[in-house]
């Protein structure tokens, strides 16, 4: 799903973590409480919206 905002908690609730490659490390850590996800998310590039503290896929 493109252009849909999903919080990191929503990903965690679904048992899926984010592909954080290429994202700003500080923003990722702020959004995920100091940790980063390992597995990837299917459906395209993952982008972080720092203003809304959400990821877009």
PDB file of N, CA and C in Angstrom:
ATOM      1  N   UNK A   1       0.853  -1.190   0.000  1.00  0.00           N
ATOM      2  CA  UNK A   1       0.000   0.000   0.000  1.00  0.00           C
ATOM      3  C   UNK A   1       0.882   1.231   0.000  1.00  0.00           C
ATOM      4  N   UNK A   2       0.715   2.063  -0.995  1.00  0.00           N
ATOM      5  CA  UNK A   2       1.559   3.250  -1.096  1.00  0.00           C
ATOM      6  C   UNK A   2       0.906   4.444  -0.407  1.00  0.00           C
ATOM      7  N   UNK A   3       1.781   5.341   0.118  1.00  0.00           N
ATOM      8  CA  UNK A   3       1.327   6.594   0.704  1.00  0.00           C
ATOM      9  C   UNK A   3       0.355   6.393   1.861  1.00  0.00           C
ATOM     10  N   UNK A   4       0.548   5.342   2.614  1.00  0.00           N
ATOM     11  CA  UNK A   4      -0.276   5.105   3.791  1.00  0.00           C
ATOM     12  C   UNK A   4       0.586   5.203   5.030  1.00  0.00           C
ATOM     13  N   UNK A   5       0.205   6.053   5.959  1.00  0.00           N
ATOM     14  CA  UNK A   5       0.981   6.230   7.181  1.00  0.00           C
ATOM     15  C   UNK A   5       0.723   5.066   8.120  1.00  0.00           C
ATOM     16  N   UNK A   6       1.788   4.472   8.617  1.00  0.00           N
ATOM     17  CA  UNK A   6       1.665   3.378   9.567  1.00  0.00           C
ATOM     18  C   UNK A   6       2.652   3.627  10.695  1.00  0.00           C
ATOM     19  N   UNK A   7       2.185   3.574  11.919  1.00  0.00           N
ATOM     20  CA  UNK A   7       3.092   3.794  13.038  1.00  0.00           C
ATOM     21  C   UNK A   7       3.949   2.566  13.268  1.00  0.00           C
ATOM     22  N   UNK A   8       5.081   2.751  13.938  1.00  0.00           N
ATOM     23  CA  UNK A   8       5.949   1.619  14.228  1.00  0.00           C
ATOM     24  C   UNK A   8       5.234   0.624  15.130  1.00  0.00           C
ATOM     25  N   UNK A   9       4.349   1.102  15.993  1.00  0.00           N
ATOM     26  CA  UNK A   9       3.597   0.203  16.867  1.00  0.00           C
ATOM     27  C   UNK A   9       2.674  -0.694  16.041  1.00  0.00           C
ATOM     28  N   UNK A  10       2.092  -0.137  14.996  1.00  0.00           N
ATOM     29  CA  UNK A  10       1.221  -0.938  14.144  1.00  0.00           C
ATOM     30  C   UNK A  10       2.006  -2.061  13.479  1.00  0.00           C
ATOM     31  N   UNK A  11       3.206  -1.761  13.030  1.00  0.00           N
ATOM     32  CA  UNK A  11       4.047  -2.799  12.451  1.00  0.00           C
ATOM     33  C   UNK A  11       4.359  -3.868  13.485  1.00  0.00           C
ATOM     34  N   UNK A  12       4.704  -3.432  14.691  1.00  0.00           N
ATOM     35  CA  UNK A  12       5.052  -4.384  15.747  1.00  0.00           C
ATOM     36  C   UNK A  12       3.858  -5.265  16.094  1.00  0.00           C
ATOM     37  N   UNK A  13       2.673  -4.658  16.139  1.00  0.00           N
ATOM     38  CA  UNK A  13       1.465  -5.420  16.459  1.00  0.00           C
ATOM     39  C   UNK A  13       1.187  -6.488  15.406  1.00  0.00           C
ATOM     40  N   UNK A  14       1.582  -6.206  14.174  1.00  0.00           N
ATOM     41  CA  UNK A  14       1.371  -7.159  13.089  1.00  0.00           C
ATOM     42  C   UNK A  14       2.518  -8.149  12.952  1.00  0.00           C
ATOM     43  N   UNK A  15       3.492  -8.083  13.861  1.00  0.00           N
ATOM     44  CA  UNK A  15       4.610  -9.003  13.815  1.00  0.00           C
ATOM     45  C   UNK A  15       5.601  -8.696  12.719  1.00  0.00           C
ATOM     46  N   UNK A  16       5.581  -7.476  12.214  1.00  0.00           N
ATOM     47  CA  UNK A  16       6.462  -7.091  11.121  1.00  0.00           C
ATOM     48  C   UNK A  16       7.280  -5.882  11.534  1.00  0.00           C
ATOM     49  N   UNK A  17       8.578  -5.955  11.319  1.00  0.00           N
ATOM     50  CA  UNK A  17       9.422  -4.799  11.583  1.00  0.00           C
ATOM     51  C   UNK A  17       9.841  -4.151  10.275  1.00  0.00           C
ATOM     52  N   UNK A  18      10.441  -2.983  10.381  1.00  0.00           N
ATOM     53  CA  UNK A  18      10.710  -2.166   9.209  1.00  0.00           C
ATOM     54  C   UNK A  18      12.081  -2.384   8.593  1.00  0.00           C
ATOM     55  N   UNK A  19      12.151  -2.207   7.282  1.00  0.00           N
ATOM     56  CA  UNK A  19      13.424  -2.098   6.591  1.00  0.00           C
ATOM     57  C   UNK A  19      13.888  -0.661   6.786  1.00  0.00           C
ATOM     58  N   UNK A  20      14.924  -0.477   7.587  1.00  0.00           N
ATOM     59  CA  UNK A  20      15.333   0.880   7.942  1.00  0.00           C
ATOM     60  C   UNK A  20      16.550   1.341   7.154  1.00  0.00           C
ATOM     61  N   UNK A  21      16.940   0.591   6.133  1.00  0.00           N
ATOM     62  CA  UNK A  21      18.105   0.972   5.342  1.00  0.00           C
ATOM     63  C   UNK A  21      17.869   2.310   4.653  1.00  0.00           C
ATOM     64  N   UNK A  22      18.844   3.196   4.737  1.00  0.00           N
ATOM     65  CA  UNK A  22      18.762   4.475   4.067  1.00  0.00           C
ATOM     66  C   UNK A  22      18.003   5.539   4.833  1.00  0.00           C
ATOM     67  N   UNK A  23      17.464   5.196   5.998  1.00  0.00           N
ATOM     68  CA  UNK A  23      16.744   6.182   6.789  1.00  0.00           C
ATOM     69  C   UNK A  23      17.666   6.814   7.817  1.00  0.00           C
ATOM     70  N   UNK A  24      17.320   7.991   8.248  1.00  0.00           N
ATOM     71  CA  UNK A  24      18.116   8.712   9.234  1.00  0.00           C
ATOM     72  C   UNK A  24      18.115   7.972  10.564  1.00  0.00           C
ATOM     73  N   UNK A  25      19.310   7.627  11.058  1.00  0.00           N
ATOM     74  CA  UNK A  25      19.414   6.805  12.261  1.00  0.00           C
ATOM     75  C   UNK A  25      18.759   7.459  13.475  1.00  0.00           C
ATOM     76  N   UNK A  26      18.959   8.747  13.647  1.00  0.00           N
ATOM     77  CA  UNK A  26      18.390   9.442  14.804  1.00  0.00           C
ATOM     78  C   UNK A  26      16.865   9.414  14.757  1.00  0.00           C
ATOM     79  N   UNK A  27      16.306   9.612  13.573  1.00  0.00           N
ATOM     80  CA  UNK A  27      14.852   9.601  13.416  1.00  0.00           C
ATOM     81  C   UNK A  27      14.289   8.213  13.679  1.00  0.00           C
ATOM     82  N   UNK A  28      15.008   7.195  13.202  1.00  0.00           N
ATOM     83  CA  UNK A  28      14.560   5.820  13.425  1.00  0.00           C
ATOM     84  C   UNK A  28      14.545   5.508  14.908  1.00  0.00           C
ATOM     85  N   UNK A  29      15.636   5.839  15.587  1.00  0.00           N
ATOM     86  CA  UNK A  29      15.727   5.541  17.011  1.00  0.00           C
ATOM     87  C   UNK A  29      14.659   6.292  17.801  1.00  0.00           C
ATOM     88  N   UNK A  30      14.382   7.521  17.404  1.00  0.00           N
ATOM     89  CA  UNK A  30      13.350   8.296  18.088  1.00  0.00           C
ATOM     90  C   UNK A  30      11.980   7.653  17.889  1.00  0.00           C
ATOM     91  N   UNK A  31      11.740   7.131  16.699  1.00  0.00           N
ATOM     92  CA  UNK A  31      10.431   6.566  16.380  1.00  0.00           C
ATOM     93  C   UNK A  31      10.234   5.182  16.977  1.00  0.00           C
ATOM     94  N   UNK A  32      11.326   4.452  17.150  1.00  0.00           N
ATOM     95  CA  UNK A  32      11.199   3.065  17.592  1.00  0.00           C
ATOM     96  C   UNK A  32      11.663   2.867  19.022  1.00  0.00           C
ATOM     97  N   UNK A  33      11.877   3.946  19.733  1.00  0.00           N
ATOM     98  CA  UNK A  33      12.253   3.828  21.132  1.00  0.00           C
ATOM     99  C   UNK A  33      13.674   3.354  21.342  1.00  0.00           C
ATOM    100  N   UNK A  34      14.543   3.636  20.381  1.00  0.00           N
ATOM    101  CA  UNK A  34      15.956   3.319  20.552  1.00  0.00           C
ATOM    102  C   UNK A  34      16.414   2.057  19.854  1.00  0.00           C
ATOM    103  N   UNK A  35      15.503   1.378  19.137  1.00  0.00           N
ATOM    104  CA  UNK A  35      15.888   0.178  18.410  1.00  0.00           C
ATOM    105  C   UNK A  35      15.474   0.292  16.953  1.00  0.00           C
ATOM    106  N   UNK A  36      16.037  -0.554  16.121  1.00  0.00           N
ATOM    107  CA  UNK A  36      15.652  -0.570  14.710  1.00  0.00           C
ATOM    108  C   UNK A  36      15.222  -1.974  14.319  1.00  0.00           C
ATOM    109  N   UNK A  37      14.365  -2.057  13.322  1.00  0.00           N
ATOM    110  CA  UNK A  37      13.886  -3.351  12.855  1.00  0.00           C
ATOM    111  C   UNK A  37      14.855  -3.999  11.893  1.00  0.00           C
ATOM    112  N   UNK A  38      14.779  -5.311  11.772  1.00  0.00           N
ATOM    113  CA  UNK A  38      15.667  -6.032  10.868  1.00  0.00           C
ATOM    114  C   UNK A  38      14.990  -6.492   9.573  1.00  0.00           C
ATOM    115  N   UNK A  39      13.865  -7.209   9.636  1.00  0.00           N
ATOM    116  CA  UNK A  39      13.238  -7.669   8.404  1.00  0.00           C
ATOM    117  C   UNK A  39      12.709  -6.511   7.561  1.00  0.00           C
ATOM    118  N   UNK A  40      12.479  -6.770   6.302  1.00  0.00           N
ATOM    119  CA  UNK A  40      12.011  -5.719   5.411  1.00  0.00           C
ATOM    120  C   UNK A  40      10.493  -5.706   5.325  1.00  0.00           C
ATOM    121  N   UNK A  41       9.974  -4.609   4.841  1.00  0.00           N
ATOM    122  CA  UNK A  41       8.548  -4.474   4.582  1.00  0.00           C
ATOM    123  C   UNK A  41       8.355  -4.548   3.077  1.00  0.00           C
ATOM    124  N   UNK A  42       7.435  -5.367   2.616  1.00  0.00           N
ATOM    125  CA  UNK A  42       7.217  -5.490   1.178  1.00  0.00           C
ATOM    126  C   UNK A  42       6.334  -4.361   0.680  1.00  0.00           C
ATOM    127  N   UNK A  43       6.397  -4.097  -0.597  1.00  0.00           N
ATOM    128  CA  UNK A  43       5.507  -3.113  -1.200  1.00  0.00           C
ATOM    129  C   UNK A  43       6.185  -1.828  -1.614  1.00  0.00           C
ATOM    130  N   UNK A  44       7.496  -1.740  -1.456  1.00  0.00           N
ATOM    131  CA  UNK A  44       8.193  -0.551  -1.914  1.00  0.00           C
ATOM    132  C   UNK A  44       9.077   0.056  -0.862  1.00  0.00           C
ATOM    133  N   UNK A  45       9.619   1.212  -1.174  1.00  0.00           N
ATOM    134  CA  UNK A  45      10.541   1.883  -0.266  1.00  0.00           C
ATOM    135  C   UNK A  45       9.834   2.335   0.998  1.00  0.00           C
ATOM    136  N   UNK A  46      10.573   2.351   2.080  1.00  0.00           N
ATOM    137  CA  UNK A  46      10.031   2.814   3.353  1.00  0.00           C
ATOM    138  C   UNK A  46      10.582   4.203   3.629  1.00  0.00           C
ATOM    139  N   UNK A  47       9.716   5.142   3.929  1.00  0.00           N
ATOM    140  CA  UNK A  47      10.136   6.512   4.216  1.00  0.00           C
ATOM    141  C   UNK A  47       9.643   6.915   5.597  1.00  0.00           C
ATOM    142  N   UNK A  48      10.471   7.680   6.287  1.00  0.00           N
ATOM    143  CA  UNK A  48      10.115   8.126   7.631  1.00  0.00           C
ATOM    144  C   UNK A  48       9.701   9.586   7.608  1.00  0.00           C
ATOM    145  N   UNK A  49       8.543   9.880   8.190  1.00  0.00           N
ATOM    146  CA  UNK A  49       8.059  11.252   8.306  1.00  0.00           C
ATOM    147  C   UNK A  49       8.327  11.720   9.731  1.00  0.00           C
ATOM    148  N   UNK A  50       9.396  12.471   9.915  1.00  0.00           N
ATOM    149  CA  UNK A  50       9.807  12.886  11.253  1.00  0.00           C
ATOM    150  C   UNK A  50       8.766  13.788  11.913  1.00  0.00           C
ATOM    151  N   UNK A  51       8.077  14.598  11.120  1.00  0.00           N
ATOM    152  CA  UNK A  51       7.087  15.518  11.678  1.00  0.00           C
ATOM    153  C   UNK A  51       5.929  14.763  12.326  1.00  0.00           C
ATOM    154  N   UNK A  52       5.528  13.667  11.712  1.00  0.00           N
ATOM    155  CA  UNK A  52       4.388  12.904  12.216  1.00  0.00           C
ATOM    156  C   UNK A  52       4.802  11.627  12.929  1.00  0.00           C
ATOM    157  N   UNK A  53       6.124  11.391  12.977  1.00  0.00           N
ATOM    158  CA  UNK A  53       6.651  10.215  13.678  1.00  0.00           C
ATOM    159  C   UNK A  53       6.051   8.922  13.132  1.00  0.00           C
ATOM    160  N   UNK A  54       5.921   8.854  11.796  1.00  0.00           N
ATOM    161  CA  UNK A  54       5.344   7.677  11.158  1.00  0.00           C
ATOM    162  C   UNK A  54       6.199   7.246   9.968  1.00  0.00           C
ATOM    163  N   UNK A  55       6.033   5.986   9.610  1.00  0.00           N
ATOM    164  CA  UNK A  55       6.664   5.474   8.401  1.00  0.00           C
ATOM    165  C   UNK A  55       5.631   5.370   7.290  1.00  0.00           C
ATOM    166  N   UNK A  56       6.089   5.570   6.055  1.00  0.00           N
ATOM    167  CA  UNK A  56       5.245   5.402   4.887  1.00  0.00           C
ATOM    168  C   UNK A  56       5.814   4.273   4.039  1.00  0.00           C
ATOM    169  N   UNK A  57       4.951   3.401   3.505  1.00  0.00           N
ATOM    170  CA  UNK A  57       5.400   2.332   2.618  1.00  0.00           C
ATOM    171  C   UNK A  57       4.670   2.451   1.277  1.00  0.00           C
TER     172      UNK A  57
END
